[in-house]
N, C-alpha and C. Protein backbone atom coordinates (compact mmCIF):
# COMPACT_ATOMS: atom_id res chain seq x y z
N MET A 1 -97.68 32.70 38.64
CA MET A 1 -96.69 32.58 37.57
C MET A 1 -95.99 31.21 37.70
N LYS A 2 -95.82 30.56 36.58
CA LYS A 2 -95.21 29.23 36.55
C LYS A 2 -93.71 29.31 36.79
N ASN A 3 -93.20 28.37 37.56
CA ASN A 3 -91.77 28.33 37.81
C ASN A 3 -91.03 27.87 36.57
N LYS A 4 -89.85 28.42 36.39
CA LYS A 4 -89.02 28.13 35.23
C LYS A 4 -88.22 26.86 35.47
N VAL A 5 -88.00 26.09 34.40
CA VAL A 5 -87.14 24.92 34.45
C VAL A 5 -86.06 25.10 33.37
N ILE A 6 -84.81 25.06 33.81
CA ILE A 6 -83.68 25.16 32.88
C ILE A 6 -82.95 23.83 32.95
N GLU A 7 -82.72 23.24 31.78
CA GLU A 7 -82.07 21.93 31.73
C GLU A 7 -80.78 22.03 30.92
N LEU A 8 -79.72 21.41 31.44
CA LEU A 8 -78.41 21.46 30.79
C LEU A 8 -77.77 20.08 30.86
N ASP A 9 -77.30 19.61 29.72
CA ASP A 9 -76.62 18.31 29.64
C ASP A 9 -75.15 18.56 29.31
N VAL A 10 -74.27 18.22 30.26
CA VAL A 10 -72.83 18.47 30.06
C VAL A 10 -72.06 17.18 29.78
N ARG A 11 -72.76 16.09 29.54
CA ARG A 11 -72.06 14.81 29.31
C ARG A 11 -71.16 14.86 28.09
N GLU A 12 -71.64 15.46 27.01
CA GLU A 12 -70.84 15.54 25.78
C GLU A 12 -69.62 16.45 25.98
N ASP A 13 -69.82 17.56 26.69
CA ASP A 13 -68.69 18.46 26.97
C ASP A 13 -67.60 17.72 27.73
N LEU A 14 -67.98 17.02 28.78
CA LEU A 14 -66.98 16.30 29.57
C LEU A 14 -66.33 15.17 28.79
N LYS A 15 -67.10 14.52 27.94
CA LYS A 15 -66.55 13.47 27.08
C LYS A 15 -65.46 14.05 26.17
N ASN A 16 -65.67 15.30 25.73
CA ASN A 16 -64.71 15.97 24.86
C ASN A 16 -63.69 16.79 25.64
N LYS A 17 -63.61 16.54 26.95
CA LYS A 17 -62.64 17.18 27.84
C LYS A 17 -62.79 18.71 27.90
N LEU A 18 -64.04 19.18 27.79
CA LEU A 18 -64.34 20.60 27.92
C LEU A 18 -64.90 20.86 29.31
N GLU A 19 -64.45 21.92 29.95
CA GLU A 19 -64.90 22.28 31.30
C GLU A 19 -66.27 22.95 31.21
N PRO A 20 -67.31 22.38 31.83
CA PRO A 20 -68.67 22.92 31.70
C PRO A 20 -69.05 23.96 32.76
N PHE A 21 -68.12 24.32 33.66
CA PHE A 21 -68.50 25.19 34.77
C PHE A 21 -69.06 26.53 34.31
N GLU A 22 -68.50 27.11 33.24
CA GLU A 22 -69.00 28.39 32.74
C GLU A 22 -70.44 28.26 32.23
N LYS A 23 -70.74 27.17 31.52
CA LYS A 23 -72.11 26.93 31.04
C LYS A 23 -73.07 26.81 32.21
N ILE A 24 -72.63 26.12 33.26
CA ILE A 24 -73.47 25.93 34.44
C ILE A 24 -73.71 27.28 35.11
N THR A 25 -72.66 28.08 35.25
CA THR A 25 -72.77 29.40 35.87
C THR A 25 -73.74 30.28 35.10
N LEU A 26 -73.64 30.26 33.78
CA LEU A 26 -74.56 31.06 32.96
C LEU A 26 -76.00 30.57 33.11
N ALA A 27 -76.19 29.27 33.18
CA ALA A 27 -77.54 28.72 33.32
C ALA A 27 -78.17 29.10 34.66
N ILE A 28 -77.41 29.00 35.74
CA ILE A 28 -78.01 29.30 37.05
C ILE A 28 -78.24 30.79 37.25
N ALA A 29 -77.59 31.62 36.45
CA ALA A 29 -77.82 33.07 36.55
C ALA A 29 -79.27 33.42 36.21
N GLU A 30 -79.93 32.55 35.45
CA GLU A 30 -81.32 32.77 35.02
C GLU A 30 -82.34 32.20 36.00
N VAL A 31 -81.87 31.57 37.07
CA VAL A 31 -82.76 30.86 37.99
C VAL A 31 -83.16 31.76 39.16
N ASP A 32 -84.47 31.87 39.39
CA ASP A 32 -85.01 32.65 40.51
C ASP A 32 -85.56 31.71 41.58
N ILE A 33 -86.04 32.26 42.67
CA ILE A 33 -86.60 31.48 43.78
C ILE A 33 -87.66 30.50 43.26
N ASP A 34 -87.57 29.26 43.70
CA ASP A 34 -88.46 28.16 43.34
C ASP A 34 -88.35 27.68 41.89
N ASP A 35 -87.46 28.27 41.10
CA ASP A 35 -87.18 27.75 39.77
C ASP A 35 -86.31 26.50 39.91
N VAL A 36 -86.24 25.72 38.83
CA VAL A 36 -85.51 24.46 38.85
C VAL A 36 -84.44 24.45 37.77
N PHE A 37 -83.27 23.96 38.14
CA PHE A 37 -82.16 23.76 37.20
C PHE A 37 -81.84 22.28 37.22
N ILE A 38 -81.95 21.63 36.05
CA ILE A 38 -81.68 20.19 35.94
C ILE A 38 -80.36 20.02 35.17
N LEU A 39 -79.45 19.30 35.80
CA LEU A 39 -78.14 19.05 35.20
C LEU A 39 -77.99 17.56 34.92
N HIS A 40 -77.56 17.24 33.70
CA HIS A 40 -77.25 15.86 33.32
C HIS A 40 -75.72 15.77 33.22
N ALA A 41 -75.14 14.83 33.94
CA ALA A 41 -73.68 14.68 33.97
C ALA A 41 -73.32 13.20 33.93
N PRO A 42 -72.07 12.88 33.55
CA PRO A 42 -71.66 11.47 33.49
C PRO A 42 -71.27 10.90 34.86
N PHE A 43 -71.25 11.74 35.89
CA PHE A 43 -70.91 11.29 37.24
C PHE A 43 -71.67 12.19 38.22
N LYS A 44 -71.70 11.77 39.46
CA LYS A 44 -72.35 12.57 40.50
C LYS A 44 -71.46 13.79 40.79
N PRO A 45 -71.91 14.99 40.45
CA PRO A 45 -71.05 16.18 40.54
C PRO A 45 -70.98 16.76 41.96
N VAL A 46 -70.42 15.98 42.88
CA VAL A 46 -70.37 16.33 44.29
C VAL A 46 -69.76 17.72 44.55
N PRO A 47 -68.64 18.11 43.92
CA PRO A 47 -68.09 19.44 44.19
C PRO A 47 -69.07 20.58 43.88
N LEU A 48 -69.93 20.37 42.92
CA LEU A 48 -70.91 21.39 42.53
C LEU A 48 -71.97 21.59 43.60
N PHE A 49 -72.26 20.57 44.38
CA PHE A 49 -73.31 20.65 45.39
C PHE A 49 -73.02 21.78 46.39
N GLY A 50 -71.79 21.85 46.88
CA GLY A 50 -71.43 22.90 47.84
C GLY A 50 -71.47 24.28 47.23
N VAL A 51 -71.01 24.39 45.98
CA VAL A 51 -71.00 25.67 45.28
C VAL A 51 -72.42 26.20 45.13
N LEU A 52 -73.33 25.33 44.68
CA LEU A 52 -74.70 25.78 44.46
C LEU A 52 -75.47 25.93 45.76
N LYS A 53 -75.13 25.15 46.77
CA LYS A 53 -75.77 25.31 48.08
C LYS A 53 -75.48 26.72 48.61
N ALA A 54 -74.25 27.18 48.42
CA ALA A 54 -73.87 28.52 48.86
C ALA A 54 -74.65 29.61 48.11
N LYS A 55 -75.18 29.27 46.95
CA LYS A 55 -75.97 30.21 46.15
C LYS A 55 -77.47 30.04 46.40
N GLY A 56 -77.83 29.20 47.39
CA GLY A 56 -79.23 29.07 47.76
C GLY A 56 -79.97 27.91 47.14
N PHE A 57 -79.25 26.93 46.60
CA PHE A 57 -79.91 25.80 45.95
C PHE A 57 -79.95 24.56 46.85
N GLU A 58 -81.06 23.82 46.74
CA GLU A 58 -81.17 22.47 47.29
C GLU A 58 -81.06 21.54 46.10
N TYR A 59 -80.70 20.28 46.33
CA TYR A 59 -80.57 19.36 45.20
C TYR A 59 -81.07 17.97 45.53
N LYS A 60 -81.38 17.26 44.46
CA LYS A 60 -81.71 15.83 44.53
C LYS A 60 -80.98 15.17 43.36
N ALA A 61 -80.12 14.19 43.67
CA ALA A 61 -79.33 13.52 42.63
C ALA A 61 -79.84 12.10 42.44
N GLU A 62 -79.94 11.70 41.18
CA GLU A 62 -80.34 10.32 40.90
C GLU A 62 -79.51 9.77 39.74
N GLU A 63 -79.09 8.52 39.90
CA GLU A 63 -78.33 7.86 38.85
C GLU A 63 -79.34 7.22 37.90
N ILE A 64 -79.38 7.72 36.67
CA ILE A 64 -80.31 7.22 35.66
C ILE A 64 -79.80 5.89 35.10
N GLU A 65 -78.52 5.89 34.76
CA GLU A 65 -77.83 4.69 34.28
C GLU A 65 -76.34 4.94 34.46
N LYS A 66 -75.54 3.94 34.15
CA LYS A 66 -74.09 4.13 34.28
C LYS A 66 -73.68 5.31 33.40
N LYS A 67 -72.93 6.24 33.99
CA LYS A 67 -72.45 7.44 33.29
C LYS A 67 -73.58 8.41 32.92
N HIS A 68 -74.68 8.39 33.67
CA HIS A 68 -75.73 9.40 33.48
C HIS A 68 -76.40 9.69 34.82
N TRP A 69 -76.03 10.84 35.36
CA TRP A 69 -76.63 11.34 36.59
C TRP A 69 -77.51 12.52 36.24
N LYS A 70 -78.66 12.57 36.89
CA LYS A 70 -79.58 13.71 36.74
C LYS A 70 -79.67 14.36 38.12
N VAL A 71 -79.30 15.64 38.17
CA VAL A 71 -79.36 16.37 39.44
C VAL A 71 -80.35 17.52 39.27
N THR A 72 -81.33 17.55 40.14
CA THR A 72 -82.34 18.59 40.11
C THR A 72 -82.05 19.58 41.25
N PHE A 73 -81.72 20.81 40.86
CA PHE A 73 -81.45 21.86 41.82
C PHE A 73 -82.65 22.78 41.88
N THR A 74 -83.08 23.12 43.07
CA THR A 74 -84.19 24.06 43.25
C THR A 74 -83.67 25.25 44.06
N LYS A 75 -83.92 26.44 43.55
CA LYS A 75 -83.43 27.65 44.24
C LYS A 75 -84.34 27.98 45.41
N ARG A 76 -83.76 28.05 46.59
CA ARG A 76 -84.51 28.36 47.81
C ARG A 76 -84.03 29.63 48.48
N GLY A 77 -82.79 30.04 48.20
CA GLY A 77 -82.19 31.18 48.89
C GLY A 77 -82.60 32.51 48.27
N ALA A 78 -81.85 33.52 48.59
CA ALA A 78 -82.14 34.87 48.10
C ALA A 78 -82.03 34.94 46.58
N SER A 79 -82.88 35.73 45.98
CA SER A 79 -82.90 35.90 44.53
C SER A 79 -81.60 36.56 44.06
N LYS A 80 -81.27 36.36 42.78
CA LYS A 80 -80.06 36.89 42.16
C LYS A 80 -79.70 38.18 42.81
């Protein structure tokens, strides 16, 4: 079975001063072992790394351009 990839871009939300944490929480609820969650943000979302690590995720962050970070989270821990 192919692993799922869920992608979420919160740059516009943050630009409009909207808190994207609920959207992120809803998105990761659909992620199973070895699935991938890709987050696009205007900055490196360091506080999120610890939160998702505690939920079993590993991550790789890359700066695409100024104000565009792409973070790829892969679920490695226990399933939902």
